[in-house]
Every structure is written in C-alpha cells, then in structure tokens.
Protein backbone atom coordinates (compact mmCIF):
# COMPACT_ATOMS: atom_id res chain seq x y z
CA MET A 1 13.37 -21.27 -4.23
CA HIS A 2 11.35 -23.89 -3.55
CA SER A 3 13.95 -24.15 -0.40
CA LEU A 4 12.64 -21.51 0.54
CA GLY A 5 8.82 -22.79 0.28
CA ILE A 6 8.46 -20.13 -2.57
CA ASP A 7 6.32 -21.28 -5.12
CA THR A 8 4.79 -18.24 -6.35
CA GLY A 9 4.97 -14.16 -6.59
CA ALA A 10 2.52 -14.61 -3.66
CA ASP A 11 4.47 -16.61 -1.52
CA LEU A 12 7.84 -14.18 -2.23
CA LYS A 13 5.67 -11.80 -0.99
CA GLN A 14 4.50 -13.16 1.74
CA ARG A 15 8.48 -14.40 3.05
CA SER A 16 9.71 -10.53 2.45
CA SER A 17 6.57 -9.09 4.11
CA LEU A 18 7.65 -11.13 6.91
CA THR A 19 9.96 -9.51 8.59
CA LEU A 20 11.15 -5.51 8.37
CA PRO A 21 11.99 -5.12 4.74
CA GLN A 22 15.28 -3.67 4.77
CA ALA A 23 15.47 -7.28 7.14
CA SER A 24 13.84 -9.07 3.67
CA LEU A 25 15.91 -7.56 1.64
CA THR A 26 18.64 -8.29 3.24
CA GLU A 27 17.32 -12.23 3.55
CA LEU A 28 16.73 -12.00 -0.11
CA THR A 29 19.75 -11.23 -1.91
CA HIS A 30 21.96 -13.64 0.88
CA HIS A 31 20.31 -15.96 -1.23
CA PHE A 32 20.80 -14.93 -4.92
CA GLY A 33 22.91 -12.33 -5.20
CA LYS A 34 22.34 -9.63 -6.62
CA VAL A 35 18.91 -10.26 -8.83
CA GLY A 36 17.47 -10.99 -5.00
CA GLN A 37 16.62 -7.30 -5.21
CA TYR A 38 15.09 -7.43 -8.62
CA TYR A 39 13.40 -10.19 -6.97
CA TYR A 40 12.40 -8.11 -3.32
CA LYS A 41 10.78 -5.13 -6.00
CA ILE A 42 9.12 -7.48 -8.17
CA ALA A 43 6.88 -9.04 -5.50
CA ARG A 44 5.94 -5.21 -4.84
CA ALA A 45 4.95 -4.64 -7.94
CA GLU A 46 8.23 -1.82 -8.17
CA ASP A 47 9.19 -1.65 -11.77
CA ASP A 48 10.77 0.05 -12.88
CA ARG A 49 12.31 0.07 -16.55
CA PRO A 50 10.93 2.50 -18.86
CA VAL A 51 7.56 0.83 -20.77
CA GLU A 52 8.41 0.13 -24.09
CA ALA A 53 5.48 -0.25 -26.54
CA ASN A 54 6.66 -1.86 -29.70
CA ARG A 55 2.78 -3.19 -31.09
CA VAL A 56 1.60 -2.73 -33.56
CA ARG A 57 -2.03 0.01 -33.02
CA LYS A 58 -4.29 -2.19 -33.63
CA SER A 59 -7.58 0.12 -33.21
CA ILE A 60 -8.60 3.89 -33.23
CA GLY A 61 -11.03 5.21 -31.38
CA ALA A 62 -13.29 7.16 -28.82
CA GLU A 63 -15.87 7.01 -26.05
CA THR A 64 -18.44 9.15 -24.67
CA SER A 65 -20.41 8.55 -21.02
CA PHE A 66 -23.91 10.73 -20.36
CA ALA A 67 -24.57 12.23 -17.37
CA SER A 68 -27.26 10.93 -18.45
CA ASP A 69 -29.74 8.50 -20.40
CA LEU A 70 -30.26 10.64 -24.35
CA SER A 71 -33.47 9.73 -25.63
CA ASP A 72 -33.70 12.51 -28.49
CA VAL A 73 -32.47 10.88 -32.31
CA ASN A 74 -30.88 14.06 -33.25
CA GLU A 75 -28.42 14.81 -29.71
CA MET A 76 -28.00 11.28 -30.00
CA LEU A 77 -27.11 12.09 -33.92
CA GLN A 78 -24.99 14.55 -32.53
CA GLU A 79 -23.03 13.11 -30.15
CA LEU A 80 -22.43 10.17 -32.92
CA GLU A 81 -20.57 13.06 -34.94
CA GLN A 82 -18.86 14.52 -32.63
CA ILE A 83 -17.14 11.10 -31.63
CA ALA A 84 -16.83 10.40 -35.54
CA GLN A 85 -14.74 13.63 -36.13
CA ILE A 86 -12.54 12.36 -32.88
CA VAL A 87 -12.09 9.38 -34.10
CA GLU A 88 -11.23 11.19 -38.06
CA GLN A 89 -8.48 12.86 -35.98
CA ARG A 90 -6.44 10.32 -34.37
CA LEU A 91 -6.64 8.27 -37.81
CA GLU A 92 -5.02 11.61 -39.43
CA GLN A 93 -2.35 11.53 -36.70
CA HIS A 94 -1.57 8.37 -37.39
CA GLU A 95 -1.91 8.96 -41.02
CA THR A 96 -4.24 5.59 -41.64
CA ARG A 97 -7.63 4.86 -42.54
CA GLY A 98 -9.78 1.97 -41.12
CA ARG A 99 -12.50 -0.86 -42.59
CA THR A 100 -14.30 -1.50 -39.99
CA VAL A 101 -16.89 0.35 -37.68
CA ILE A 102 -18.04 -0.50 -33.91
CA THR A 103 -20.51 1.48 -32.08
CA ASN A 104 -21.49 0.45 -28.67
CA PHE A 105 -24.90 1.79 -26.49
CA ILE A 106 -25.10 1.09 -23.45
CA THR A 107 -27.72 1.68 -21.30
CA TYR A 108 -28.47 1.33 -17.66
CA HIS A 109 -31.52 1.25 -15.98
CA CYS A 110 -31.22 1.25 -12.21
CA SER A 111 -34.92 0.09 -10.49
CA ASN A 112 -35.50 0.57 -6.65
CA SER A 113 -38.28 -1.93 -6.11
CA PRO A 114 -38.04 -3.52 -2.89
C-alpha cells in the first residue's frame, strides 16, 4: 500500500474515490487480490459481518430526559421511582444484582442575554 501512496484509511478512501467507484474497486482488486474488495468496502465503512457482542455486561441502567426542568421535589421522587423500577426489571431480566448506584442530574440554563 505504501508504494501506492496509501498510508492511512483516509488515503485509501481518497484513492478509491478519485475515479469511478467500479474502477477503484478494479484497481484495488488488481493490486491486492481478493482482499482488495475488503479494503474497498472498509474504506467506505461498509461491513456486512454480524456484530458479535462477546463482552460481559458491566452495568445496567436507565435514564430519561424531560421537556422542562423539574422543580417540585415530589415530582422528582416520582420520576426517580419510575427509573429505579426500570433498572430493577432489567436486573431481574439478566438475573443479576447491583452493588453501586450512580445518579446523574443535569441542569441546563439558557439565557438570551446580549
């Protein structure tokens, strides 16, 4: 690849986009054989392989966004209870339990001051 001026994925994409797409596929196949088609697709973020999730889940959570800020404590507690119930259901589905609870509260203040 280096002899063709291809050092990065961006170089590969640019090189295979300079000409007609079929011509660049032909060029890559000519230079690299069967793997040329793979390079052609990967440079365009085309990957037909199935996703294989093989990592153990480390967290289970739930979140929500509100159309407007909540200011009433009872309303906040009600919403928190609903979110906690969702997490509880998910824990039961995965037949696991939690050790740590983390909460995030995000506020957004927007002012139109000049």
